[in-house]
Amino acid sequence: MGTWRDGGGTLTVGTDTGVREVPLRIAASYRARARGLLGADGVDGALLITPCGSIHTFRMRFTIDVAYLDRKFGVIAVRTMKPGRLGLPRLRARHVVEAEAGAMASWGLRPGACVRVSAAAAEVSPPAP
């Protein structure tokens, strides 16, 4: 995989009932990762933070769903976090997806699933084994 860049894209989630595409904001620079959703009142779609193995919700204004992804975009865990919490580090996590609470359940995103991230300029695929 090449270098990640801040910007927009699409998160594609395969479910038992089909494919769901979600608007995605990508935070790859130090500044964008540090800011994340801090100060926001909500999120349209989802935010991908990369590289990232753990997050916190200090100074957040709303409850979020958090999906921890491995290097091949496999979902390791999905958690709901209220503001003012510190998430446990996930050793195999390389990326984190954040969305408003309840969104991931409605998308069918759960541990064991695999997602695809398409950046606005080019598709981002997992590295070859």
Protein backbone atom coordinates (compact mmCIF):
# COMPACT_ATOMS: atom_id res chain seq x y z
CA MET A 1 0.00 0.00 0.00
CA GLY A 2 1.26 3.44 -0.86
CA THR A 3 1.06 6.54 1.25
CA TRP A 4 -2.29 7.43 2.79
CA ARG A 5 -3.52 10.98 2.30
CA ASP A 6 -6.16 13.10 4.01
CA GLY A 7 -9.32 13.43 1.96
CA GLY A 8 -12.59 11.82 1.05
CA GLY A 9 -13.60 8.41 -0.14
CA THR A 10 -16.03 5.54 0.27
CA LEU A 11 -16.25 2.74 2.82
CA THR A 12 -17.79 -0.39 1.28
CA VAL A 13 -19.30 -2.88 3.70
CA GLY A 14 -20.40 -6.31 2.44
CA THR A 15 -23.39 -7.68 4.36
CA ASP A 16 -25.65 -10.72 4.18
CA THR A 17 -28.19 -8.59 2.33
CA GLY A 18 -25.81 -6.90 -0.12
CA VAL A 19 -23.26 -4.12 -0.27
CA ARG A 20 -23.47 -0.82 1.60
CA GLU A 21 -21.41 2.21 0.52
CA VAL A 22 -20.80 4.89 3.13
CA PRO A 23 -19.23 8.35 2.59
CA LEU A 24 -15.81 8.41 4.23
CA ARG A 25 -13.38 11.07 5.41
CA ILE A 26 -9.75 9.88 5.65
CA ALA A 27 -7.45 11.25 8.36
CA ALA A 28 -3.86 10.18 7.63
CA SER A 29 -1.71 13.17 8.59
CA TYR A 30 -0.68 13.71 12.20
CA ARG A 31 -2.84 16.85 12.43
CA ALA A 32 -5.97 15.20 10.95
CA ARG A 33 -5.55 12.06 13.12
CA ALA A 34 -5.11 14.15 16.28
CA ARG A 35 -8.22 16.20 15.50
CA GLY A 36 -10.42 13.27 14.45
CA LEU A 37 -14.01 14.12 15.40
CA LEU A 38 -13.07 16.43 18.28
CA GLY A 39 -15.29 19.48 18.33
CA ALA A 40 -17.74 18.01 15.80
CA ASP A 41 -21.47 17.75 16.54
CA GLY A 42 -21.87 14.68 14.33
CA VAL A 43 -20.42 12.88 11.34
CA ASP A 44 -21.87 12.32 7.89
CA GLY A 45 -20.87 8.74 7.09
CA ALA A 46 -17.61 7.70 8.74
CA LEU A 47 -14.06 8.74 9.53
CA LEU A 48 -11.06 6.47 8.84
CA ILE A 49 -8.03 7.17 11.03
CA THR A 50 -4.83 5.57 9.75
CA PRO A 51 -2.46 4.43 11.08
CA CYS A 52 -4.22 3.94 14.40
CA GLY A 53 -4.47 1.22 17.05
CA SER A 54 -6.50 2.96 19.76
CA ILE A 55 -8.61 6.07 20.29
CA HIS A 56 -10.12 8.23 23.01
CA THR A 57 -13.32 10.24 23.20
CA PHE A 58 -12.15 13.04 25.51
CA ARG A 59 -13.74 16.38 24.47
CA MET A 60 -16.17 14.54 22.15
CA ARG A 61 -19.73 15.84 22.02
CA PHE A 62 -21.53 12.62 21.05
CA THR A 63 -21.35 8.83 21.41
CA ILE A 64 -19.58 7.01 18.58
CA ASP A 65 -19.23 3.53 17.14
CA VAL A 66 -15.62 2.44 16.65
CA ALA A 67 -14.43 -0.37 14.36
CA TYR A 68 -10.84 -1.57 14.69
CA LEU A 69 -9.43 -2.89 11.38
CA ASP A 70 -6.34 -5.01 10.72
CA ARG A 71 -3.89 -4.32 7.88
CA LYS A 72 -6.10 -6.19 5.40
CA PHE A 73 -9.20 -4.19 6.44
CA GLY A 74 -10.68 -7.08 8.41
CA VAL A 75 -12.85 -5.97 11.34
CA ILE A 76 -11.23 -7.00 14.64
CA ALA A 77 -13.75 -5.41 17.01
CA VAL A 78 -16.66 -2.96 17.06
CA ARG A 79 -17.35 -0.89 20.17
CA THR A 80 -19.66 1.96 21.16
CA MET A 81 -17.90 4.67 23.17
CA LYS A 82 -19.43 7.52 25.14
CA PRO A 83 -17.61 10.87 25.43
CA GLY A 84 -14.75 11.00 27.94
CA ARG A 85 -13.53 7.40 27.50
CA LEU A 86 -10.18 5.84 26.64
CA GLY A 87 -10.35 2.87 24.30
CA LEU A 88 -8.17 -0.17 24.85
CA PRO A 89 -5.31 -0.57 22.35
CA ARG A 90 -5.86 -3.39 19.83
CA LEU A 91 -2.54 -5.04 19.04
CA ARG A 92 -3.41 -6.05 15.46
CA ALA A 93 -5.31 -2.84 14.64
CA ARG A 94 -3.82 -0.65 11.90
CA HIS A 95 -6.88 1.48 11.11
CA VAL A 96 -9.92 2.75 13.02
CA VAL A 97 -13.30 3.72 11.59
CA GLU A 98 -15.51 6.07 13.62
CA ALA A 99 -19.20 6.81 13.04
CA GLU A 100 -22.21 8.01 15.01
CA ALA A 101 -23.53 5.50 17.56
CA GLY A 102 -25.80 2.90 15.97
CA ALA A 103 -24.54 3.48 12.42
CA MET A 104 -22.32 0.41 12.21
CA ALA A 105 -25.10 -1.94 13.33
CA SER A 106 -27.35 -0.48 10.62
CA TRP A 107 -24.58 -1.08 8.04
CA GLY A 108 -24.14 -4.69 9.19
CA LEU A 109 -20.52 -4.04 10.22
CA ARG A 110 -19.35 -6.62 12.76
CA PRO A 111 -16.18 -8.51 13.78
CA GLY A 112 -14.97 -10.90 11.09
CA ALA A 113 -16.31 -8.74 8.23
CA CYS A 114 -13.96 -7.25 5.68
CA VAL A 115 -14.40 -3.73 4.32
CA ARG A 116 -12.98 -1.91 1.32
CA VAL A 117 -11.76 1.68 1.34
CA SER A 118 -11.81 3.68 -1.88
CA ALA A 119 -9.99 7.00 -1.65
CA ALA A 120 -11.25 9.84 -3.83
CA ALA A 121 -8.18 9.72 -6.11
CA ALA A 122 -7.44 5.98 -6.17
CA GLU A 123 -8.61 2.73 -4.62
CA VAL A 124 -6.75 1.57 -1.53
CA SER A 125 -6.42 -2.21 -1.34
CA PRO A 126 -4.95 -4.42 1.36
CA PRO A 127 -1.33 -5.47 0.79
CA ALA A 128 -0.61 -8.77 -0.87
CA PRO A 129 0.13 -11.66 1.53
